[in-house]
Amino acid sequence: MAGLRLGPLLRYVDWDTGGSATIWVEADRPCTAEVRCADGAGGSVRTFQIAGHHYALVPVTGLTPGSTTAYEMLLDGVRVWPPAGTAFPPSTITTPAVTSAVSASGRPAPGLRVAFGSCRQAAPPAGRRGPHGPDALDTLAARLAADPDEVRPDVLLLLGDQVYADQLSRETRRWLAARRDLREAPGAQVADYEEYTRLYYESWLDPEIRWLLSTVPSLQIFDDHDVVDDWNTSAAWLAGMRAAPWWQERVLSGLMSYWVYQHLGNLSPAELAADALYAAVRGTPDGTDALRAFAASADADPGSVRWSYRRDFGRSRLLMVDTRAARVLAEDGRAMLDPAEQEWVRENALSGHGSYDHLLIGSSLPWLMPPLIHDAEVWNAALCRGERGPRWARIGEDLRRRSDLEHWAAFPASFEALSDLIEEVGTGPRAPATVCVLSGDVHHAYVAEPRIPSTARVFQLTCSPVHNSIHTAVKWGFRLGWSRTGRWLGRGFSRHGRTGRPPLSWRRTGGPWFGNQLMTLALAGRSARLRLDQARRGRKGEEGARLVTVLDRELTAAD
């Protein structure tokens, strides 16, 4: 009898018709995966096989727009979800009201609640306290499960570092040690596809997370730790990694597992139907070779693959942008996005300009950083391309790797191009009410606003980590980066690197906040409201953790 290894994860929900969704599962053997909804909707599909593992992305059709319905998961006709005796509420699919029907009724279009964050180390097993404090995603799940009246997010955006291939838990290190000799490279890091599956099991079999992901749709994008710290920092970094005998298997396994566990669920049914790789994998008894060839091509020629994607939620548009694999690393032409990727972002931001009220740009790496860090990254980029000679270029490369100088500012032309695009989108009578860049990575949260002559309100909203920690020295470094002293020091970097002033200025209007946290953006009509919740340990005598709201702010209110 087939068993459920992982999932179900509710991934795509159709905001155009309100009638379909997709649900991802992993089974322990080949089988037919089926979803049955309480309202009669459902769907089924045969599993496909990768490296001895069996997966399905089940298309669910016949859903009623503007409704919430419970569902069950069956494998070969036997119910495997929800598990017997579960303490959690039923897993449900919530669909939006169809926009055209809402317009005909005279009611306003449905709003959108987007929860987002990044950088989640798996929570420790029950009964053991980990080093990072309470998990914000776990705590959100517990609150939603305990209170049926609590308003749930319409979508959860996971902005990178969903798994850490290079920073493993005590339990996973023990599991690896029983499998191979950790004295051999890559040591206590993930080496192959099978070891990647262990990371996803550890992260997503957490009971609270498993229930949350079964009932709140999620969209995901990778960052560096999904493969390795500082992934694609520079051409010199990449050349060094490719010389390591273990690297090829690591990067191929990282891309293969990302495609299976994260990327597939980002796609709509129409995109899946047009995806040649998805068809090839499903059309053969074992899709491993086809997926491995795809991953090898993606690694050798990043421009041959697009990991970025677009989703429209009524009158809100999300562009989730790949800021890792699509980079151009040559020092004389460094770019965060290759030309085709840059054009894709531009086309999708301007397509139907005036038809959306809010533009969300998902970028794992922040666009607007603390000014000192921004200036240091621009300075470092100038050194590395030889502006101060070969000796400083060598120093710059070493600093780049040691200090993680690899955000948008480290790619000055790309920073300017994104800034120009945001100003173009946000200007004029057809401008949306807001343009928000949603980011993580930097293990603290803040709100920043650029000083640009736009009609729209423009924000950098950064929220990280969901469950991780930050060294005290780094925390003070970020505080210094936002200070007047930091701005003065940044100007010194600019003078030495001969880089001039940034093409725009910005100011911090919230934060910095440190801790495990999630932001929630509530969009309704042309208004936008932001909330930041932090996970805190329960008060004396209380069990578990609690979410504490540290910011609740109307973004579209006049200053």
Protein backbone atom coordinates (compact mmCIF):
# COMPACT_ATOMS: atom_id res chain seq x y z
CA MET A 1 0.00 0.00 0.00
CA ALA A 2 1.35 3.42 -0.97
CA GLY A 3 2.23 5.79 1.84
CA LEU A 4 2.62 9.57 2.04
CA ARG A 5 6.23 10.63 2.58
CA LEU A 6 5.81 14.41 2.36
CA GLY A 7 3.04 16.89 1.79
CA PRO A 8 0.45 17.70 0.79
CA LEU A 9 1.49 21.24 -0.14
CA LEU A 10 -1.14 23.56 -1.56
CA ARG A 11 0.76 25.48 -4.22
CA TYR A 12 -1.15 27.20 -7.03
CA VAL A 13 -4.66 28.66 -6.62
CA ASP A 14 -6.23 30.20 -9.73
CA TRP A 15 -7.09 33.87 -9.25
CA ASP A 16 -8.46 34.26 -12.79
CA THR A 17 -11.37 31.78 -12.59
CA GLY A 18 -11.34 30.75 -8.92
CA GLY A 19 -11.92 27.20 -10.10
CA SER A 20 -8.62 25.32 -9.92
CA ALA A 21 -5.56 24.63 -7.78
CA THR A 22 -2.54 22.32 -7.62
CA ILE A 23 -1.40 20.19 -4.68
CA TRP A 24 2.09 18.65 -4.44
CA VAL A 25 2.89 15.34 -2.70
CA GLU A 26 5.66 12.80 -2.36
CA ALA A 27 4.67 9.13 -2.03
CA ASP A 28 6.83 6.16 -1.05
CA ARG A 29 6.14 4.20 -4.25
CA PRO A 30 4.53 4.62 -7.68
CA CYS A 31 0.81 5.26 -7.36
CA THR A 32 -2.11 7.45 -8.37
CA ALA A 33 -2.43 10.55 -6.21
CA GLU A 34 -5.96 11.91 -5.85
CA VAL A 35 -7.50 14.95 -4.18
CA ARG A 36 -11.16 14.83 -3.13
CA CYS A 37 -12.81 18.01 -1.92
CA ALA A 38 -15.85 18.24 0.30
CA ASP A 39 -17.70 20.26 -2.36
CA GLY A 40 -17.17 17.60 -5.07
CA ALA A 41 -14.13 19.17 -6.73
CA GLY A 42 -11.02 17.07 -7.20
CA GLY A 43 -8.40 15.60 -9.47
CA SER A 44 -5.92 12.79 -9.81
CA VAL A 45 -2.60 12.11 -11.52
CA ARG A 46 0.01 9.36 -11.69
CA THR A 47 3.27 9.92 -9.80
CA PHE A 48 6.58 10.48 -11.61
CA GLN A 49 9.95 9.18 -10.43
CA ILE A 50 13.21 11.03 -9.72
CA ALA A 51 16.18 9.23 -8.14
CA GLY A 52 13.99 6.57 -6.57
CA HIS A 53 11.49 9.08 -5.16
CA HIS A 54 7.88 9.42 -6.33
CA TYR A 55 6.10 12.76 -6.74
CA ALA A 56 2.85 14.18 -8.01
CA LEU A 57 1.47 17.65 -8.64
CA VAL A 58 -2.27 17.04 -8.59
CA PRO A 59 -4.47 19.42 -10.63
CA VAL A 60 -7.69 20.16 -8.74
CA THR A 61 -10.61 21.37 -10.86
CA GLY A 62 -14.27 22.16 -10.26
CA LEU A 63 -13.68 24.45 -7.29
CA THR A 64 -16.28 27.09 -6.50
CA PRO A 65 -15.04 30.70 -6.74
CA GLY A 66 -15.15 32.60 -3.46
CA SER A 67 -15.34 29.47 -1.31
CA THR A 68 -13.38 27.41 1.20
CA THR A 69 -13.55 23.63 0.98
CA ALA A 70 -11.83 20.87 2.93
CA TYR A 71 -9.95 18.20 1.02
CA GLU A 72 -8.51 14.73 1.46
CA MET A 73 -5.48 13.15 -0.22
CA LEU A 74 -5.71 9.56 -1.43
CA LEU A 75 -2.98 7.29 -2.82
CA ASP A 76 -4.30 4.41 -4.94
CA GLY A 77 -7.74 5.09 -3.48
CA VAL A 78 -6.67 4.93 0.19
CA ARG A 79 -6.93 8.09 2.29
CA VAL A 80 -3.56 9.20 3.63
CA TRP A 81 -4.39 12.81 4.55
CA PRO A 82 -5.47 14.12 6.94
CA PRO A 83 -3.78 11.59 9.22
CA ALA A 84 -5.95 9.68 11.66
CA GLY A 85 -6.33 11.38 15.02
CA THR A 86 -4.81 14.69 13.92
CA ALA A 87 -5.24 17.64 16.26
CA PHE A 88 -5.10 20.12 13.38
CA PRO A 89 -8.14 21.55 11.57
CA PRO A 90 -9.00 20.15 8.12
CA SER A 91 -6.75 21.20 5.27
CA THR A 92 -8.69 23.52 2.98
CA ILE A 93 -8.50 25.25 -0.39
CA THR A 94 -9.74 28.84 -0.42
CA THR A 95 -10.54 30.37 -3.80
CA PRO A 96 -11.03 34.06 -4.59
CA ALA A 97 -14.25 35.45 -5.98
CA VAL A 98 -14.01 35.82 -9.76
CA THR A 99 -13.06 39.42 -10.51
CA SER A 100 -15.53 39.79 -13.38
CA ALA A 101 -18.39 38.50 -11.25
CA VAL A 102 -17.45 40.84 -8.42
CA SER A 103 -17.35 43.80 -10.79
CA ALA A 104 -20.80 42.96 -12.16
CA SER A 105 -22.18 42.88 -8.62
CA GLY A 106 -20.80 46.32 -7.87
CA ARG A 107 -18.71 45.04 -4.96
CA PRO A 108 -15.00 45.90 -4.78
CA ALA A 109 -12.47 43.39 -6.05
CA PRO A 110 -11.19 40.93 -3.42
CA GLY A 111 -8.20 42.02 -1.40
CA LEU A 112 -4.95 40.11 -1.03
CA ARG A 113 -3.00 39.17 2.08
CA VAL A 114 0.64 38.25 1.40
CA ALA A 115 2.83 36.87 4.19
CA PHE A 116 6.54 36.73 3.41
CA GLY A 117 9.98 36.06 4.82
CA SER A 118 13.15 34.08 4.19
CA CYS A 119 15.93 32.10 5.82
CA ARG A 120 14.39 29.22 7.73
CA GLN A 121 16.49 26.63 9.48
CA ALA A 122 14.38 23.58 10.31
CA ALA A 123 12.91 23.65 13.80
CA PRO A 124 14.51 21.18 16.24
CA PRO A 125 12.66 17.99 17.19
CA ALA A 126 9.98 18.25 19.85
CA GLY A 127 11.50 18.41 23.30
CA ARG A 128 14.78 20.04 22.24
CA ARG A 129 15.42 23.76 22.16
CA GLY A 130 17.45 24.86 19.20
CA PRO A 131 19.94 27.75 19.00
CA HIS A 132 17.71 30.11 17.01
CA GLY A 133 14.70 30.71 19.26
CA PRO A 134 11.05 30.17 18.28
CA ASP A 135 10.25 29.61 14.61
CA ALA A 136 8.02 32.37 13.18
CA LEU A 137 6.39 30.05 10.63
CA ASP A 138 5.74 27.37 13.26
CA THR A 139 4.25 30.02 15.53
CA LEU A 140 2.00 31.38 12.77
CA ALA A 141 0.79 27.86 12.03
CA ALA A 142 -0.02 27.23 15.69
CA ARG A 143 -1.98 30.48 15.92
CA LEU A 144 -3.99 29.78 12.77
CA ALA A 145 -4.72 26.21 13.85
CA ALA A 146 -5.85 27.30 17.31
CA ASP A 147 -8.20 30.08 16.17
CA PRO A 148 -10.53 29.35 13.23
CA ASP A 149 -11.49 33.05 13.11
CA GLU A 150 -7.88 34.20 12.60
CA VAL A 151 -7.53 35.67 9.11
CA ARG A 152 -5.19 33.53 7.02
CA PRO A 153 -2.78 34.77 4.37
CA ASP A 154 -3.95 34.26 0.80
CA VAL A 155 -0.41 33.33 -0.17
CA LEU A 156 2.89 32.72 1.58
CA LEU A 157 6.03 33.93 -0.22
CA LEU A 158 9.20 32.08 0.80
CA LEU A 159 12.01 34.28 -0.46
CA GLY A 160 15.00 31.95 -0.28
CA ASP A 161 17.03 29.67 1.96
CA GLN A 162 14.11 27.29 2.40
CA VAL A 163 16.79 24.69 3.14
CA TYR A 164 20.43 25.08 4.17
CA ALA A 165 22.63 22.70 2.19
CA ASP A 166 25.76 23.92 3.97
CA GLN A 167 24.56 24.42 7.56
CA LEU A 168 23.06 21.19 8.86
CA SER A 169 21.26 20.32 12.06
CA ARG A 170 22.70 17.96 14.62
CA GLU A 171 20.22 15.27 13.56
CA THR A 172 21.07 15.56 9.86
CA ARG A 173 24.80 15.50 10.53
CA ARG A 174 24.32 12.22 12.40
CA TRP A 175 22.26 10.87 9.50
CA LEU A 176 25.00 11.84 7.04
CA ALA A 177 27.71 10.28 9.23
CA ALA A 178 25.88 6.95 9.06
CA ARG A 179 25.79 7.24 5.26
CA ARG A 180 29.36 8.37 4.38
CA ASP A 181 32.67 9.53 5.82
CA LEU A 182 32.34 13.19 6.79
CA ARG A 183 36.10 13.60 6.75
CA GLU A 184 35.86 13.62 2.95
CA ALA A 185 34.61 16.66 1.02
CA PRO A 186 32.12 18.21 1.20
CA GLY A 187 32.12 17.06 4.82
CA ALA A 188 29.06 17.90 6.90
CA GLN A 189 27.23 19.41 3.93
CA VAL A 190 24.80 17.98 1.43
CA ALA A 191 26.49 16.04 -1.36
CA ASP A 192 23.76 14.58 -3.61
CA TYR A 193 20.05 14.43 -4.39
CA GLU A 194 19.23 11.89 -1.70
CA GLU A 195 20.77 14.12 0.94
CA TYR A 196 18.75 17.08 -0.34
CA THR A 197 15.56 15.07 0.17
CA ARG A 198 16.54 14.71 3.81
CA LEU A 199 16.62 18.52 4.19
CA TYR A 200 13.09 18.86 2.83
CA TYR A 201 11.80 16.07 5.05
CA GLU A 202 13.38 17.68 8.10
CA SER A 203 11.90 21.07 7.26
CA TRP A 204 8.45 20.18 5.93
CA LEU A 205 7.55 17.17 8.12
CA ASP A 206 7.43 19.50 11.12
CA PRO A 207 3.74 19.00 12.08
CA GLU A 208 2.86 22.71 12.24
CA ILE A 209 4.65 23.51 8.99
CA ARG A 210 3.14 20.49 7.26
CA TRP A 211 -0.38 21.58 8.15
CA LEU A 212 0.27 25.24 7.29
CA LEU A 213 1.67 24.40 3.83
CA SER A 214 -1.29 22.09 3.21
CA THR A 215 -3.78 24.92 3.60
CA VAL A 216 -2.01 28.21 2.71
CA PRO A 217 -0.75 28.45 -0.91
CA SER A 218 2.99 29.04 -1.16
CA LEU A 219 5.26 30.53 -3.80
CA GLN A 220 9.01 30.06 -3.52
CA ILE A 221 12.37 31.13 -4.94
CA PHE A 222 15.88 30.02 -4.04
CA ASP A 223 18.72 31.99 -2.51
CA ASP A 224 22.32 30.97 -1.93
CA HIS A 225 22.02 28.47 0.94
CA ASP A 226 19.58 26.37 -1.08
CA VAL A 227 22.79 25.48 -2.99
CA VAL A 228 25.77 26.92 -1.06
CA ASP A 229 26.69 30.12 0.75
CA ASP A 230 27.56 32.96 -1.65
CA TRP A 231 26.37 30.98 -4.68
CA ASN A 232 27.52 32.81 -7.85
CA THR A 233 29.20 35.65 -6.00
CA SER A 234 31.80 36.17 -8.74
CA ALA A 235 33.53 34.59 -11.71
CA ALA A 236 36.58 33.79 -9.56
CA TRP A 237 34.36 32.15 -6.93
CA LEU A 238 32.63 30.03 -9.57
CA ALA A 239 35.91 28.93 -11.15
CA GLY A 240 37.18 27.84 -7.75
CA MET A 241 34.03 25.88 -6.98
CA ARG A 242 34.04 24.15 -10.36
CA ALA A 243 37.58 22.94 -9.62
CA ALA A 244 36.35 21.13 -6.49
CA PRO A 245 35.61 17.45 -7.24
CA TRP A 246 32.36 17.44 -5.22
CA TRP A 247 30.85 20.62 -6.69
CA GLN A 248 29.29 19.23 -9.89
CA GLU A 249 27.17 16.70 -8.02
CA ARG A 250 26.20 19.30 -5.44
CA VAL A 251 24.99 21.97 -7.85
CA LEU A 252 23.16 19.50 -10.11
CA SER A 253 21.44 17.94 -7.11
CA GLY A 254 20.56 21.38 -5.77
CA LEU A 255 18.95 22.44 -9.05
CA MET A 256 17.19 19.07 -9.50
CA SER A 257 15.73 19.10 -6.00
CA TYR A 258 14.74 22.77 -6.31
CA TRP A 259 12.86 21.97 -9.55
CA VAL A 260 10.98 19.12 -7.87
CA TYR A 261 10.31 20.48 -4.39
CA GLN A 262 9.93 24.21 -5.05
CA HIS A 263 9.82 25.31 -8.69
CA LEU A 264 7.09 23.02 -10.11
CA GLY A 265 4.50 24.30 -7.67
CA ASN A 266 5.17 27.90 -8.70
CA LEU A 267 3.75 27.17 -12.17
CA SER A 268 0.14 27.44 -13.28
CA PRO A 269 -1.58 24.45 -14.94
CA ALA A 270 -1.21 26.21 -18.31
CA GLU A 271 2.52 26.69 -17.73
CA LEU A 272 2.88 23.07 -16.67
CA ALA A 273 1.07 21.91 -19.81
CA ALA A 274 3.56 23.84 -21.94
CA ASP A 275 6.64 22.70 -19.99
CA ALA A 276 8.64 20.23 -22.11
CA LEU A 277 10.70 18.97 -19.17
CA TYR A 278 7.60 18.28 -17.07
CA ALA A 279 6.14 16.30 -19.97
CA ALA A 280 9.38 14.37 -20.44
CA VAL A 281 9.70 13.50 -16.75
CA ARG A 282 6.08 12.32 -16.56
CA GLY A 283 6.32 10.45 -19.85
CA THR A 284 9.03 8.00 -18.76
CA PRO A 285 9.19 5.43 -15.94
CA ASP A 286 12.21 7.23 -14.48
CA GLY A 287 12.71 10.94 -15.16
CA THR A 288 16.09 11.21 -13.42
CA ASP A 289 18.22 11.37 -16.56
CA ALA A 290 15.99 14.00 -18.19
CA LEU A 291 16.04 16.18 -15.08
CA ARG A 292 19.77 15.75 -14.60
CA ALA A 293 20.44 16.79 -18.19
CA PHE A 294 18.26 19.87 -17.63
CA ALA A 295 20.16 20.76 -14.45
CA ALA A 296 23.50 20.34 -16.22
CA SER A 297 22.34 22.66 -18.99
CA ALA A 298 21.05 25.19 -16.45
CA ASP A 299 24.41 25.19 -14.65
CA ALA A 300 26.48 25.44 -17.83
CA ASP A 301 24.25 28.03 -19.51
CA PRO A 302 22.07 29.86 -16.95
CA GLY A 303 20.43 31.85 -19.74
CA SER A 304 18.85 28.65 -21.08
CA VAL A 305 16.49 28.42 -18.08
CA ARG A 306 14.07 30.87 -16.49
CA TRP A 307 13.37 30.41 -12.80
CA SER A 308 11.59 33.78 -12.46
CA TYR A 309 7.83 33.85 -12.77
CA ARG A 310 4.82 36.14 -12.68
CA ARG A 311 1.52 35.76 -10.82
CA ASP A 312 -1.46 38.11 -10.98
CA PHE A 313 -3.81 38.20 -7.99
CA GLY A 314 -6.75 40.26 -9.16
CA ARG A 315 -5.36 43.79 -9.35
CA SER A 316 -2.05 42.93 -7.65
CA ARG A 317 0.91 41.63 -9.66
CA LEU A 318 3.87 39.65 -8.35
CA LEU A 319 7.14 39.30 -10.23
CA MET A 320 9.33 36.74 -8.48
CA VAL A 321 12.87 37.37 -9.74
CA ASP A 322 15.80 34.94 -9.79
CA THR A 323 18.75 36.91 -8.38
CA ARG A 324 21.12 33.93 -8.12
CA ALA A 325 21.29 31.74 -11.23
CA ALA A 326 20.68 34.48 -13.83
CA ARG A 327 23.77 36.54 -12.98
CA VAL A 328 26.45 37.70 -15.41
CA LEU A 329 29.75 37.30 -13.56
CA ALA A 330 32.36 38.68 -15.96
CA GLU A 331 33.97 41.64 -14.17
CA ASP A 332 33.70 43.90 -17.23
CA GLY A 333 29.96 43.26 -17.54
CA ARG A 334 28.67 42.13 -14.15
CA ALA A 335 24.89 42.05 -13.89
CA MET A 336 22.41 40.70 -11.38
CA LEU A 337 20.25 39.60 -14.33
CA ASP A 338 21.37 38.59 -17.80
CA PRO A 339 19.95 40.70 -20.68
CA ALA A 340 17.07 38.31 -21.43
CA GLU A 341 16.10 38.13 -17.76
CA GLN A 342 16.28 41.91 -17.39
CA GLU A 343 14.02 42.31 -20.42
CA TRP A 344 11.58 39.73 -18.99
CA VAL A 345 11.30 41.75 -15.78
CA ARG A 346 10.77 44.96 -17.73
CA GLU A 347 8.16 43.49 -20.07
CA ASN A 348 6.15 41.95 -17.23
CA ALA A 349 6.30 45.09 -15.12
CA LEU A 350 5.02 47.27 -17.99
CA SER A 351 2.61 44.79 -19.60
CA GLY A 352 -0.92 45.98 -18.85
CA HIS A 353 0.48 49.03 -17.05
CA GLY A 354 -2.54 50.65 -15.44
CA SER A 355 -4.40 47.36 -15.00
CA TYR A 356 -2.96 46.62 -11.57
CA ASP A 357 -3.03 48.62 -8.33
CA HIS A 358 0.03 47.08 -6.68
CA LEU A 359 3.29 45.75 -8.10
CA LEU A 360 5.25 43.35 -5.89
CA ILE A 361 8.80 42.46 -6.91
CA GLY A 362 10.07 39.40 -5.08
CA SER A 363 13.86 39.57 -4.82
CA SER A 364 15.64 37.36 -2.30
CA LEU A 365 18.29 40.08 -2.05
CA PRO A 366 17.26 43.61 -1.00
CA TRP A 367 17.37 46.39 -3.55
CA LEU A 368 17.84 49.17 -0.95
CA MET A 369 20.37 48.34 1.76
CA PRO A 370 21.82 50.30 4.69
CA PRO A 371 23.70 53.16 2.93
CA LEU A 372 27.11 52.19 4.33
CA ILE A 373 26.73 48.64 3.01
CA HIS A 374 25.47 49.92 -0.35
CA ASP A 375 28.48 52.21 -0.74
CA ALA A 376 30.86 49.44 0.37
CA GLU A 377 29.44 47.08 -2.26
CA VAL A 378 29.71 49.67 -5.05
CA TRP A 379 33.28 50.43 -3.94
CA ASN A 380 34.12 46.73 -3.84
CA ALA A 381 32.73 46.20 -7.34
CA ALA A 382 34.97 49.03 -8.60
CA LEU A 383 38.03 47.49 -6.95
CA CYS A 384 37.29 44.04 -8.37
CA ARG A 385 37.00 45.35 -11.92
CA GLY A 386 40.42 46.99 -11.55
CA GLU A 387 39.62 50.65 -10.94
CA ARG A 388 42.45 50.88 -8.39
CA GLY A 389 44.83 48.37 -9.96
CA PRO A 390 45.56 44.63 -9.68
CA ARG A 391 46.56 44.65 -6.00
CA TRP A 392 43.29 46.29 -4.95
CA ALA A 393 41.40 43.92 -7.27
CA ARG A 394 42.79 40.95 -5.33
CA ILE A 395 41.93 42.61 -2.02
CA GLY A 396 38.45 43.39 -3.32
CA GLU A 397 37.75 39.78 -4.33
CA ASP A 398 38.80 38.53 -0.91
CA LEU A 399 36.60 41.13 0.80
CA ARG A 400 33.66 40.32 -1.47
CA ARG A 401 33.66 36.69 -0.36
CA ARG A 402 34.41 37.30 3.31
CA SER A 403 31.78 40.02 3.71
CA ASP A 404 28.98 38.82 1.41
CA LEU A 405 29.19 41.92 -0.79
CA GLU A 406 26.82 40.63 -3.45
CA HIS A 407 23.49 42.45 -3.26
CA TRP A 408 22.02 44.70 -5.97
CA ALA A 409 24.56 47.41 -5.13
CA ALA A 410 27.40 45.02 -6.01
CA PHE A 411 26.03 45.05 -9.56
CA PRO A 412 25.82 48.84 -10.09
CA ALA A 413 24.36 48.77 -13.60
CA SER A 414 21.64 46.35 -12.47
CA PHE A 415 20.84 48.50 -9.44
CA GLU A 416 20.41 51.53 -11.69
CA ALA A 417 18.30 49.59 -14.21
CA LEU A 418 15.94 48.31 -11.49
CA SER A 419 15.70 51.79 -9.97
CA ASP A 420 14.87 53.30 -13.37
CA LEU A 421 12.23 50.63 -14.04
CA ILE A 422 10.57 51.17 -10.67
CA GLU A 423 10.46 54.93 -11.28
CA GLU A 424 9.01 54.36 -14.77
CA VAL A 425 6.33 51.97 -13.49
CA GLY A 426 5.48 54.25 -10.57
CA THR A 427 5.14 57.48 -12.54
CA GLY A 428 2.18 58.95 -14.41
CA PRO A 429 -1.60 58.65 -14.38
CA ARG A 430 -1.53 54.87 -14.94
CA ALA A 431 0.86 54.22 -12.06
CA PRO A 432 -0.11 51.67 -9.40
CA ALA A 433 -0.71 52.81 -5.84
CA THR A 434 2.39 51.00 -4.60
CA VAL A 435 5.53 49.34 -5.86
CA CYS A 436 7.03 47.09 -3.18
CA VAL A 437 10.29 45.16 -3.40
CA LEU A 438 9.95 42.17 -1.03
CA SER A 439 13.24 40.72 0.18
CA GLY A 440 14.99 38.71 2.88
CA ASP A 441 18.58 37.40 3.21
CA VAL A 442 20.06 39.94 5.65
CA HIS A 443 18.68 38.51 8.94
CA HIS A 444 16.86 41.63 10.01
CA ALA A 445 13.74 43.52 8.95
CA TYR A 446 13.28 47.11 7.86
CA VAL A 447 11.26 49.46 5.68
CA ALA A 448 13.05 51.85 3.32
CA GLU A 449 11.69 54.41 0.87
CA PRO A 450 13.55 55.95 -2.08
CA ARG A 451 13.43 59.64 -2.84
CA ILE A 452 12.17 59.48 -6.42
CA PRO A 453 9.55 61.62 -8.17
CA SER A 454 7.00 58.83 -8.55
CA THR A 455 3.23 58.86 -8.34
CA ALA A 456 3.21 55.49 -6.60
CA ARG A 457 4.46 54.92 -3.09
CA VAL A 458 7.65 52.86 -3.39
CA PHE A 459 8.98 50.64 -0.62
CA GLN A 460 11.76 48.21 0.13
CA LEU A 461 10.22 45.71 2.55
CA THR A 462 12.82 43.36 3.98
CA CYS A 463 11.98 40.51 6.37
CA SER A 464 14.44 37.90 7.56
CA PRO A 465 14.93 35.45 9.17
CA VAL A 466 11.92 33.20 9.65
CA HIS A 467 14.02 30.91 11.85
CA ASN A 468 17.72 31.66 12.19
CA SER A 469 19.95 34.04 14.10
CA ILE A 470 22.52 36.76 13.65
CA HIS A 471 25.84 37.42 15.38
CA THR A 472 25.85 40.42 17.70
CA ALA A 473 28.71 42.06 15.78
CA VAL A 474 26.78 41.79 12.51
CA LYS A 475 23.71 43.24 14.19
CA TRP A 476 25.68 46.30 15.28
CA GLY A 477 27.16 46.52 11.80
CA PHE A 478 23.69 46.84 10.31
CA ARG A 479 22.78 49.50 12.87
CA LEU A 480 25.93 51.41 11.97
CA GLY A 481 25.06 51.03 8.28
CA TRP A 482 21.84 52.99 8.76
CA SER A 483 23.39 55.72 10.94
CA ARG A 484 24.75 59.16 10.03
CA THR A 485 28.22 57.89 10.86
CA GLY A 486 27.65 55.02 8.44
CA ARG A 487 26.66 57.43 5.68
CA TRP A 488 29.85 59.44 6.33
CA LEU A 489 31.99 56.30 6.15
CA GLY A 490 30.20 55.27 2.95
CA ARG A 491 31.18 58.53 1.28
CA GLY A 492 34.80 57.64 2.08
CA PHE A 493 34.42 54.35 0.20
CA SER A 494 32.91 56.23 -2.73
CA ARG A 495 35.84 58.64 -2.89
CA HIS A 496 38.41 55.86 -2.78
CA GLY A 497 36.63 53.79 -5.43
CA ARG A 498 35.88 56.86 -7.56
CA THR A 499 32.31 55.65 -7.84
CA GLY A 500 30.39 58.88 -7.23
CA ARG A 501 27.05 59.16 -5.48
CA PRO A 502 24.30 56.52 -5.92
CA PRO A 503 21.77 57.24 -8.70
CA LEU A 504 19.09 57.80 -6.04
CA SER A 505 18.85 58.30 -2.30
CA TRP A 506 16.59 56.58 0.23
CA ARG A 507 15.73 56.66 3.89
CA ARG A 508 14.84 54.04 6.46
CA THR A 509 11.26 54.55 7.68
CA GLY A 510 10.99 51.47 9.88
CA GLY A 511 13.34 49.22 11.82
CA PRO A 512 15.79 47.69 11.98
CA TRP A 513 14.15 44.79 13.82
CA PHE A 514 16.02 41.64 14.82
CA GLY A 515 14.48 38.27 15.59
CA ASN A 516 12.50 35.51 13.91
CA GLN A 517 9.75 37.30 12.02
CA LEU A 518 7.22 37.49 9.20
CA MET A 519 5.78 40.47 7.35
CA THR A 520 2.21 40.53 6.07
CA LEU A 521 1.10 42.93 3.36
CA ALA A 522 -2.67 43.50 3.14
CA LEU A 523 -3.78 44.98 -0.20
CA ALA A 524 -7.34 46.20 -0.77
CA GLY A 525 -8.26 48.49 -3.64
CA ARG A 526 -5.45 51.05 -3.78
CA SER A 527 -4.61 50.82 -0.09
CA ALA A 528 -1.78 48.82 1.44
CA ARG A 529 -1.15 47.96 5.07
CA LEU A 530 2.00 46.34 6.48
CA ARG A 531 2.33 44.28 9.64
CA LEU A 532 5.47 42.75 11.16
CA ASP A 533 5.09 39.90 13.65
CA GLN A 534 7.94 38.44 15.69
CA ALA A 535 8.01 35.03 17.34
CA ARG A 536 8.68 35.27 21.07
CA ARG A 537 8.90 32.62 23.75
CA GLY A 538 5.70 32.26 25.75
CA ARG A 539 5.29 34.13 28.98
CA LYS A 540 6.03 32.35 32.24
CA GLY A 541 3.53 29.53 32.63
CA GLU A 542 2.61 29.53 28.92
CA GLU A 543 3.44 26.68 26.60
CA GLY A 544 4.94 27.29 23.19
CA ALA A 545 5.70 30.58 21.48
CA ARG A 546 3.58 33.57 20.52
CA LEU A 547 3.53 36.14 17.74
CA VAL A 548 3.95 39.74 18.82
CA THR A 549 3.07 42.55 16.41
CA VAL A 550 5.86 45.13 16.39
CA LEU A 551 4.67 47.15 13.39
CA ASP A 552 1.21 47.84 11.99
CA ARG A 553 1.34 50.62 9.43
CA GLU A 554 -0.78 52.01 6.63
CA LEU A 555 1.62 52.38 3.69
CA THR A 556 -0.62 54.43 1.43
CA ALA A 557 -1.56 57.10 3.95
CA ALA A 558 -0.31 60.61 3.18
CA ASP A 559 2.84 61.58 5.10
